[in-house]
N, C-alpha and C. Protein backbone atom coordinates (compact mmCIF):
# COMPACT_ATOMS: atom_id res chain seq x y z
N MET A 1 97.36 36.38 95.77
CA MET A 1 98.43 36.80 94.86
C MET A 1 97.94 38.03 94.08
N ASP A 2 98.81 38.96 93.94
CA ASP A 2 98.45 40.22 93.28
C ASP A 2 98.07 40.04 91.83
N GLY A 3 97.01 40.71 91.45
CA GLY A 3 96.61 40.78 90.06
C GLY A 3 95.65 39.72 89.59
N LEU A 4 95.46 38.65 90.33
CA LEU A 4 94.55 37.60 89.89
C LEU A 4 93.11 38.13 89.85
N THR A 5 92.33 37.58 88.94
CA THR A 5 90.96 38.08 88.74
C THR A 5 89.91 37.24 89.47
N TYR A 6 90.34 36.43 90.42
CA TYR A 6 89.43 35.58 91.20
C TYR A 6 90.03 35.44 92.61
N ASP A 7 89.20 35.04 93.58
CA ASP A 7 89.64 34.97 94.96
C ASP A 7 90.02 33.57 95.44
N GLU A 8 89.56 32.53 94.77
CA GLU A 8 89.65 31.16 95.26
C GLU A 8 90.96 30.48 94.84
N VAL A 9 92.08 31.13 95.11
CA VAL A 9 93.39 30.64 94.69
C VAL A 9 93.67 29.28 95.33
N GLY A 10 94.04 28.32 94.49
CA GLY A 10 94.37 26.98 94.96
C GLY A 10 93.21 26.02 95.03
N ALA A 11 92.01 26.48 94.70
CA ALA A 11 90.81 25.64 94.83
C ALA A 11 90.79 24.46 93.85
N THR A 12 91.63 24.46 92.83
CA THR A 12 91.67 23.29 91.93
C THR A 12 92.31 22.08 92.61
N ALA A 13 92.91 22.28 93.79
CA ALA A 13 93.54 21.18 94.51
C ALA A 13 92.53 20.35 95.31
N GLY A 14 91.31 20.83 95.43
CA GLY A 14 90.30 20.13 96.23
C GLY A 14 88.92 20.44 95.71
N PRO A 15 87.96 20.58 96.64
CA PRO A 15 86.60 20.93 96.22
C PRO A 15 86.61 22.29 95.51
N MET A 16 86.01 22.32 94.35
CA MET A 16 86.04 23.57 93.58
C MET A 16 84.87 24.47 94.00
N PRO A 17 85.08 25.78 93.88
CA PRO A 17 84.10 26.73 94.39
C PRO A 17 82.81 26.77 93.57
N PRO A 18 81.69 27.05 94.23
CA PRO A 18 80.43 27.20 93.50
C PRO A 18 80.44 28.47 92.67
N GLY A 19 79.54 28.52 91.70
CA GLY A 19 79.41 29.71 90.88
C GLY A 19 80.28 29.72 89.64
N TYR A 20 80.99 28.65 89.42
CA TYR A 20 81.88 28.53 88.27
C TYR A 20 81.52 27.25 87.49
N HIS A 21 81.95 27.22 86.23
CA HIS A 21 81.90 25.98 85.45
C HIS A 21 83.10 25.14 85.88
N HIS A 22 82.89 23.86 86.16
CA HIS A 22 83.96 22.97 86.63
C HIS A 22 84.34 21.96 85.56
N VAL A 23 85.63 21.67 85.48
CA VAL A 23 86.14 20.64 84.57
C VAL A 23 87.07 19.73 85.37
N ARG A 24 86.86 18.43 85.21
CA ARG A 24 87.80 17.43 85.73
C ARG A 24 88.00 16.42 84.61
N ALA A 25 89.24 16.16 84.26
CA ALA A 25 89.54 15.23 83.17
C ALA A 25 90.76 14.40 83.56
N HIS A 26 90.79 13.17 83.07
CA HIS A 26 91.85 12.22 83.43
C HIS A 26 92.20 11.37 82.21
N ARG A 27 93.48 11.05 82.08
CA ARG A 27 93.92 10.17 80.99
C ARG A 27 95.24 9.51 81.38
N VAL A 28 95.38 8.25 81.10
CA VAL A 28 96.67 7.57 81.23
C VAL A 28 97.43 7.88 79.94
N VAL A 29 98.62 8.46 80.09
CA VAL A 29 99.37 8.95 78.92
C VAL A 29 100.62 8.13 78.61
N GLY A 30 100.90 7.14 79.44
CA GLY A 30 102.07 6.32 79.19
C GLY A 30 102.36 5.41 80.36
N ARG A 31 103.56 4.86 80.33
CA ARG A 31 103.94 3.90 81.37
C ARG A 31 105.44 4.00 81.61
N GLY A 32 105.82 3.95 82.86
CA GLY A 32 107.23 3.86 83.22
C GLY A 32 107.88 5.17 83.60
N ARG A 33 109.00 5.03 84.32
CA ARG A 33 109.75 6.18 84.83
C ARG A 33 110.22 7.09 83.70
N GLU A 34 110.74 6.51 82.63
CA GLU A 34 111.26 7.33 81.52
C GLU A 34 110.16 8.22 80.94
N HIS A 35 108.97 7.65 80.74
CA HIS A 35 107.88 8.46 80.20
C HIS A 35 107.46 9.54 81.20
N PHE A 36 107.40 9.19 82.49
CA PHE A 36 107.03 10.18 83.49
C PHE A 36 108.00 11.36 83.47
N GLU A 37 109.29 11.09 83.47
CA GLU A 37 110.30 12.16 83.51
C GLU A 37 110.22 13.04 82.26
N ARG A 38 110.09 12.42 81.10
CA ARG A 38 109.99 13.18 79.85
C ARG A 38 108.71 14.02 79.85
N ALA A 39 107.59 13.43 80.26
CA ALA A 39 106.32 14.15 80.29
C ALA A 39 106.36 15.31 81.29
N ALA A 40 107.00 15.10 82.44
CA ALA A 40 107.12 16.16 83.44
C ALA A 40 107.93 17.33 82.89
N ASP A 41 109.03 17.03 82.18
CA ASP A 41 109.83 18.09 81.55
C ASP A 41 108.97 18.90 80.58
N LEU A 42 108.22 18.20 79.74
CA LEU A 42 107.36 18.86 78.75
C LEU A 42 106.29 19.70 79.42
N LEU A 43 105.64 19.13 80.44
CA LEU A 43 104.56 19.83 81.13
C LEU A 43 105.05 21.14 81.73
N LEU A 44 106.17 21.10 82.42
CA LEU A 44 106.66 22.30 83.11
C LEU A 44 107.36 23.29 82.18
N ALA A 45 107.48 22.93 80.90
CA ALA A 45 108.04 23.84 79.89
C ALA A 45 106.95 24.44 79.00
N GLY A 46 105.68 24.20 79.33
CA GLY A 46 104.58 24.77 78.55
C GLY A 46 104.25 24.03 77.28
N GLU A 47 104.84 22.83 77.10
CA GLU A 47 104.62 22.10 75.85
C GLU A 47 103.21 21.54 75.72
N VAL A 48 102.52 21.31 76.82
CA VAL A 48 101.13 20.84 76.72
C VAL A 48 100.30 21.89 76.00
N GLN A 49 100.45 23.14 76.37
CA GLN A 49 99.69 24.21 75.73
C GLN A 49 100.14 24.41 74.28
N ARG A 50 101.43 24.34 74.03
CA ARG A 50 101.93 24.48 72.65
C ARG A 50 101.39 23.36 71.76
N ARG A 51 101.47 22.13 72.24
CA ARG A 51 101.00 20.99 71.45
C ARG A 51 99.49 21.03 71.25
N ALA A 52 98.79 21.76 72.11
CA ALA A 52 97.33 21.91 71.95
C ALA A 52 96.99 23.03 70.99
N GLY A 53 97.99 23.77 70.51
CA GLY A 53 97.75 24.80 69.51
C GLY A 53 97.91 26.23 69.97
N ALA A 54 98.31 26.46 71.21
CA ALA A 54 98.50 27.83 71.70
C ALA A 54 99.93 28.28 71.45
N ARG A 55 100.09 29.56 71.23
CA ARG A 55 101.42 30.16 71.23
C ARG A 55 101.68 30.55 72.68
N VAL A 56 102.84 30.19 73.20
CA VAL A 56 103.10 30.31 74.63
C VAL A 56 104.40 31.06 74.89
N GLU A 57 104.34 32.02 75.81
CA GLU A 57 105.53 32.70 76.32
C GLU A 57 105.57 32.48 77.82
N LEU A 58 106.73 32.05 78.33
CA LEU A 58 106.91 31.81 79.76
C LEU A 58 107.97 32.74 80.32
N SER A 59 107.75 33.23 81.53
CA SER A 59 108.78 34.04 82.17
C SER A 59 109.89 33.15 82.74
N ASP A 60 109.57 31.88 83.01
CA ASP A 60 110.53 30.94 83.59
C ASP A 60 110.30 29.55 83.01
N THR A 61 111.39 28.83 82.75
CA THR A 61 111.31 27.44 82.35
C THR A 61 112.35 26.67 83.15
N PRO A 62 111.94 25.66 83.91
CA PRO A 62 110.57 25.19 84.09
C PRO A 62 109.73 26.19 84.89
N MET A 63 108.40 26.07 84.71
CA MET A 63 107.50 26.95 85.44
C MET A 63 107.64 26.71 86.94
N ARG A 64 107.45 27.77 87.69
CA ARG A 64 107.44 27.69 89.15
C ARG A 64 106.41 28.70 89.66
N GLU A 65 106.09 28.61 90.93
CA GLU A 65 105.13 29.55 91.50
C GLU A 65 105.61 30.98 91.23
N GLY A 66 104.71 31.81 90.72
CA GLY A 66 105.06 33.19 90.38
C GLY A 66 105.43 33.39 88.92
N SER A 67 105.62 32.31 88.16
CA SER A 67 105.91 32.44 86.73
C SER A 67 104.71 33.06 86.01
N ARG A 68 105.02 33.83 85.00
CA ARG A 68 103.97 34.40 84.14
C ARG A 68 103.89 33.58 82.86
N VAL A 69 102.68 33.29 82.45
CA VAL A 69 102.41 32.54 81.24
C VAL A 69 101.49 33.39 80.38
N THR A 70 101.90 33.66 79.16
CA THR A 70 101.03 34.39 78.23
C THR A 70 100.84 33.51 77.01
N MET A 71 99.57 33.19 76.76
CA MET A 71 99.23 32.36 75.61
C MET A 71 98.44 33.20 74.61
N ARG A 72 98.44 32.75 73.38
CA ARG A 72 97.61 33.32 72.33
C ARG A 72 96.94 32.18 71.59
N LEU A 73 95.66 32.34 71.35
CA LEU A 73 94.88 31.39 70.56
C LEU A 73 94.20 32.16 69.45
N GLY A 74 94.06 31.55 68.30
CA GLY A 74 93.37 32.18 67.18
C GLY A 74 94.34 32.80 66.21
N LEU A 75 93.76 33.49 65.23
CA LEU A 75 94.55 34.13 64.18
C LEU A 75 94.14 35.58 63.99
N GLY A 76 95.11 36.43 63.74
CA GLY A 76 94.84 37.83 63.41
C GLY A 76 93.98 38.52 64.44
N ILE A 77 92.93 39.22 63.94
CA ILE A 77 92.06 39.96 64.85
C ILE A 77 91.19 39.03 65.70
N LEU A 78 91.14 37.77 65.34
CA LEU A 78 90.42 36.79 66.14
C LEU A 78 91.34 36.06 67.10
N SER A 79 92.48 36.67 67.40
CA SER A 79 93.46 36.10 68.31
C SER A 79 93.21 36.66 69.71
N PHE A 80 93.27 35.78 70.72
CA PHE A 80 93.04 36.18 72.09
C PHE A 80 94.32 36.07 72.89
N ARG A 81 94.63 37.12 73.63
CA ARG A 81 95.75 37.11 74.56
C ARG A 81 95.24 36.52 75.86
N ILE A 82 95.98 35.56 76.43
CA ILE A 82 95.52 34.82 77.60
C ILE A 82 96.62 34.87 78.66
N PRO A 83 96.62 35.92 79.51
CA PRO A 83 97.66 36.04 80.54
C PRO A 83 97.29 35.28 81.82
N CYS A 84 98.28 34.56 82.36
CA CYS A 84 98.08 33.77 83.58
C CYS A 84 99.29 33.90 84.50
N LEU A 85 99.05 33.57 85.77
CA LEU A 85 100.10 33.54 86.77
C LEU A 85 100.11 32.16 87.41
N VAL A 86 101.28 31.54 87.48
CA VAL A 86 101.39 30.23 88.11
C VAL A 86 101.24 30.41 89.62
N VAL A 87 100.23 29.75 90.19
CA VAL A 87 99.94 29.87 91.62
C VAL A 87 100.40 28.65 92.41
N TRP A 88 100.78 27.59 91.72
CA TRP A 88 101.32 26.38 92.35
C TRP A 88 102.15 25.64 91.30
N ALA A 89 103.28 25.12 91.72
CA ALA A 89 104.09 24.25 90.86
C ALA A 89 104.89 23.32 91.76
N ASP A 90 105.06 22.08 91.30
CA ASP A 90 105.77 21.10 92.11
C ASP A 90 106.32 20.00 91.20
N ARG A 91 107.41 19.40 91.64
CA ARG A 91 107.94 18.22 90.97
C ARG A 91 108.60 17.35 92.01
N SER A 92 108.18 16.08 92.04
CA SER A 92 108.75 15.12 92.97
C SER A 92 108.99 13.82 92.20
N GLU A 93 109.32 12.76 92.90
CA GLU A 93 109.54 11.47 92.26
C GLU A 93 108.28 10.90 91.62
N THR A 94 107.12 11.26 92.15
CA THR A 94 105.87 10.66 91.66
C THR A 94 104.85 11.65 91.13
N THR A 95 105.08 12.95 91.28
CA THR A 95 104.13 13.94 90.75
C THR A 95 104.88 15.12 90.16
N ALA A 96 104.22 15.75 89.21
CA ALA A 96 104.72 17.00 88.63
C ALA A 96 103.50 17.77 88.17
N GLY A 97 103.56 19.07 88.31
CA GLY A 97 102.43 19.83 87.81
C GLY A 97 102.49 21.29 88.17
N PHE A 98 101.47 21.99 87.72
CA PHE A 98 101.33 23.41 88.02
C PHE A 98 99.86 23.80 87.89
N ALA A 99 99.55 24.92 88.49
CA ALA A 99 98.22 25.53 88.32
C ALA A 99 98.44 26.99 88.00
N TYR A 100 97.65 27.49 87.07
CA TYR A 100 97.72 28.92 86.81
C TYR A 100 96.35 29.55 86.94
N GLY A 101 96.40 30.82 87.34
CA GLY A 101 95.18 31.60 87.51
C GLY A 101 95.16 32.74 86.52
N THR A 102 93.96 33.23 86.30
CA THR A 102 93.75 34.28 85.30
C THR A 102 94.18 35.65 85.81
N LEU A 103 94.75 36.43 84.90
CA LEU A 103 95.15 37.81 85.14
C LEU A 103 94.25 38.74 84.32
N PRO A 104 94.24 40.04 84.63
CA PRO A 104 93.44 40.97 83.82
C PRO A 104 93.78 40.84 82.33
N GLY A 105 92.74 40.84 81.51
CA GLY A 105 92.89 40.68 80.07
C GLY A 105 92.57 39.27 79.61
N HIS A 106 92.55 38.31 80.52
CA HIS A 106 92.18 36.93 80.19
C HIS A 106 90.69 36.89 79.88
N PRO A 107 90.27 36.12 78.88
CA PRO A 107 88.84 36.07 78.54
C PRO A 107 87.97 35.44 79.63
N GLU A 108 88.57 34.68 80.54
CA GLU A 108 87.84 33.99 81.61
C GLU A 108 88.38 34.42 82.96
N ARG A 109 87.69 34.02 84.01
CA ARG A 109 88.15 34.18 85.40
C ARG A 109 88.23 32.79 86.00
N GLY A 110 89.35 32.45 86.63
CA GLY A 110 89.43 31.15 87.28
C GLY A 110 90.83 30.57 87.27
N GLU A 111 90.87 29.26 87.44
CA GLU A 111 92.14 28.56 87.63
C GLU A 111 92.11 27.21 86.92
N GLU A 112 93.28 26.77 86.48
CA GLU A 112 93.40 25.46 85.84
C GLU A 112 94.65 24.78 86.39
N ARG A 113 94.51 23.49 86.73
CA ARG A 113 95.61 22.71 87.31
C ARG A 113 95.90 21.51 86.42
N PHE A 114 97.19 21.27 86.19
CA PHE A 114 97.67 20.15 85.38
C PHE A 114 98.58 19.30 86.26
N THR A 115 98.20 18.04 86.49
CA THR A 115 98.97 17.19 87.39
C THR A 115 99.30 15.86 86.71
N LEU A 116 100.56 15.52 86.73
CA LEU A 116 101.07 14.27 86.20
C LEU A 116 101.44 13.40 87.41
N THR A 117 101.02 12.13 87.39
CA THR A 117 101.27 11.24 88.53
C THR A 117 101.82 9.91 88.03
N MET A 118 102.91 9.48 88.66
CA MET A 118 103.46 8.14 88.42
C MET A 118 102.76 7.23 89.41
N LEU A 119 101.86 6.38 88.92
CA LEU A 119 101.08 5.50 89.78
C LEU A 119 101.89 4.27 90.20
N PRO A 120 101.55 3.62 91.31
CA PRO A 120 102.26 2.42 91.74
C PRO A 120 102.26 1.31 90.69
N THR A 121 101.27 1.32 89.79
CA THR A 121 101.19 0.31 88.72
C THR A 121 102.19 0.57 87.61
N GLY A 122 102.85 1.74 87.62
CA GLY A 122 103.76 2.12 86.55
C GLY A 122 103.11 2.99 85.51
N GLU A 123 101.78 3.12 85.56
CA GLU A 123 101.10 3.99 84.61
C GLU A 123 101.37 5.45 84.96
N VAL A 124 101.39 6.28 83.93
CA VAL A 124 101.55 7.72 84.10
C VAL A 124 100.20 8.36 83.80
N ALA A 125 99.61 8.98 84.81
CA ALA A 125 98.29 9.59 84.68
C ALA A 125 98.41 11.09 84.59
N PHE A 126 97.55 11.68 83.80
CA PHE A 126 97.51 13.12 83.61
C PHE A 126 96.10 13.59 83.96
N ASP A 127 96.03 14.52 84.91
CA ASP A 127 94.75 15.05 85.38
C ASP A 127 94.69 16.55 85.19
N ILE A 128 93.52 17.01 84.81
CA ILE A 128 93.27 18.44 84.66
C ILE A 128 92.04 18.78 85.48
N ALA A 129 92.14 19.85 86.25
CA ALA A 129 91.01 20.37 87.01
C ALA A 129 90.94 21.87 86.74
N ALA A 130 89.74 22.38 86.54
CA ALA A 130 89.60 23.81 86.26
C ALA A 130 88.24 24.31 86.76
N PHE A 131 88.23 25.57 87.14
CA PHE A 131 86.97 26.26 87.36
C PHE A 131 87.08 27.62 86.67
N SER A 132 85.99 28.01 86.04
CA SER A 132 86.04 29.26 85.28
C SER A 132 84.66 29.86 85.12
N SER A 133 84.66 31.16 84.86
CA SER A 133 83.45 31.88 84.48
C SER A 133 83.87 32.96 83.49
N PRO A 134 82.93 33.45 82.68
CA PRO A 134 83.29 34.49 81.72
C PRO A 134 83.91 35.70 82.42
N GLY A 135 84.95 36.22 81.83
CA GLY A 135 85.64 37.36 82.41
C GLY A 135 85.56 38.63 81.59
N ARG A 136 85.04 38.54 80.40
CA ARG A 136 84.94 39.71 79.52
C ARG A 136 83.56 39.71 78.88
N TRP A 137 83.17 40.83 78.33
CA TRP A 137 81.82 40.93 77.74
C TRP A 137 81.61 39.89 76.65
N PHE A 138 82.62 39.69 75.82
CA PHE A 138 82.44 38.77 74.69
C PHE A 138 82.40 37.31 75.13
N THR A 139 83.02 36.98 76.27
CA THR A 139 82.91 35.60 76.75
C THR A 139 81.59 35.38 77.49
N ARG A 140 81.00 36.45 78.02
CA ARG A 140 79.66 36.31 78.60
C ARG A 140 78.64 36.08 77.49
N VAL A 141 78.75 36.85 76.43
CA VAL A 141 77.82 36.71 75.30
C VAL A 141 78.01 35.35 74.62
N GLY A 142 79.23 34.93 74.47
CA GLY A 142 79.52 33.68 73.77
C GLY A 142 79.80 32.51 74.70
N ALA A 143 79.24 32.52 75.91
CA ALA A 143 79.53 31.47 76.90
C ALA A 143 79.34 30.05 76.37
N PRO A 144 78.26 29.74 75.64
CA PRO A 144 78.14 28.35 75.14
C PRO A 144 79.28 27.96 74.20
N ILE A 145 79.73 28.89 73.38
CA ILE A 145 80.86 28.62 72.48
C ILE A 145 82.14 28.45 73.30
N GLY A 146 82.28 29.26 74.34
CA GLY A 146 83.45 29.16 75.21
C GLY A 146 83.57 27.80 75.87
N ARG A 147 82.45 27.21 76.26
CA ARG A 147 82.47 25.88 76.88
C ARG A 147 82.92 24.82 75.87
N VAL A 148 82.48 24.96 74.62
CA VAL A 148 82.90 24.02 73.57
C VAL A 148 84.41 24.15 73.34
N VAL A 149 84.90 25.38 73.27
CA VAL A 149 86.34 25.61 73.08
C VAL A 149 87.12 25.03 74.27
N GLN A 150 86.62 25.26 75.48
CA GLN A 150 87.30 24.74 76.67
C GLN A 150 87.36 23.21 76.65
N ALA A 151 86.25 22.57 76.29
CA ALA A 151 86.22 21.10 76.23
C ALA A 151 87.20 20.58 75.18
N ARG A 152 87.25 21.24 74.03
CA ARG A 152 88.18 20.83 72.97
C ARG A 152 89.63 21.01 73.40
N MET A 153 89.94 22.13 74.04
CA MET A 153 91.31 22.37 74.50
C MET A 153 91.69 21.36 75.59
N THR A 154 90.77 21.04 76.48
CA THR A 154 91.06 20.05 77.53
C THR A 154 91.44 18.71 76.90
N GLN A 155 90.71 18.29 75.88
CA GLN A 155 91.04 17.04 75.20
C GLN A 155 92.40 17.12 74.51
N ARG A 156 92.71 18.26 73.91
CA ARG A 156 94.03 18.44 73.28
C ARG A 156 95.14 18.41 74.33
N TYR A 157 94.91 19.06 75.46
CA TYR A 157 95.89 19.03 76.55
C TYR A 157 96.16 17.60 76.98
N LEU A 158 95.09 16.82 77.18
CA LEU A 158 95.25 15.44 77.64
C LEU A 158 96.05 14.60 76.66
N ARG A 159 95.85 14.80 75.38
CA ARG A 159 96.57 14.02 74.37
C ARG A 159 98.01 14.49 74.18
N ALA A 160 98.34 15.69 74.64
CA ALA A 160 99.67 16.28 74.40
C ALA A 160 100.81 15.49 75.03
N LEU A 161 100.52 14.71 76.06
CA LEU A 161 101.59 13.96 76.74
C LEU A 161 101.53 12.47 76.48
N ASP A 162 100.68 12.04 75.54
CA ASP A 162 100.61 10.62 75.20
C ASP A 162 101.99 10.11 74.78
N ALA A 163 102.29 8.88 75.14
CA ALA A 163 103.55 8.25 74.72
C ALA A 163 103.61 8.28 73.21
N ARG A 164 104.70 8.74 72.65
CA ARG A 164 104.83 8.87 71.19
C ARG A 164 105.93 7.97 70.69
């Protein structure tokens, strides 16, 4: 896909590529068809990122392959613009999700996938998979801090779809 800052498009769907920091996280966020449908609507509207504290602009709602996502984190001059391109999106009776990849200007290089699954037990599971490496000089210098921020955001993302 044009403009992405990495070559391994779609790799969050399976074995992740070497040379990157990998994240895999899982959480049961609710139970039942009603919760799955509501959570899927929220996920594909960018609400996971909003509820985690990012300001989010979407080119399309619900997100679909080719949608542009621009997030901002931080305040004032310490605010980061985070441009992404949706490289996969799907919604079925039992799954919903999307993956986005980094575009030029993103502080990192890589991909992140968010998948919601209605399990046969009735539980609604939320999974996140990501691979990334520093994409700018300041993220290379601050890589240890970046990993802490990434871990914190992953936990916020996971809690964003909890049954309320």
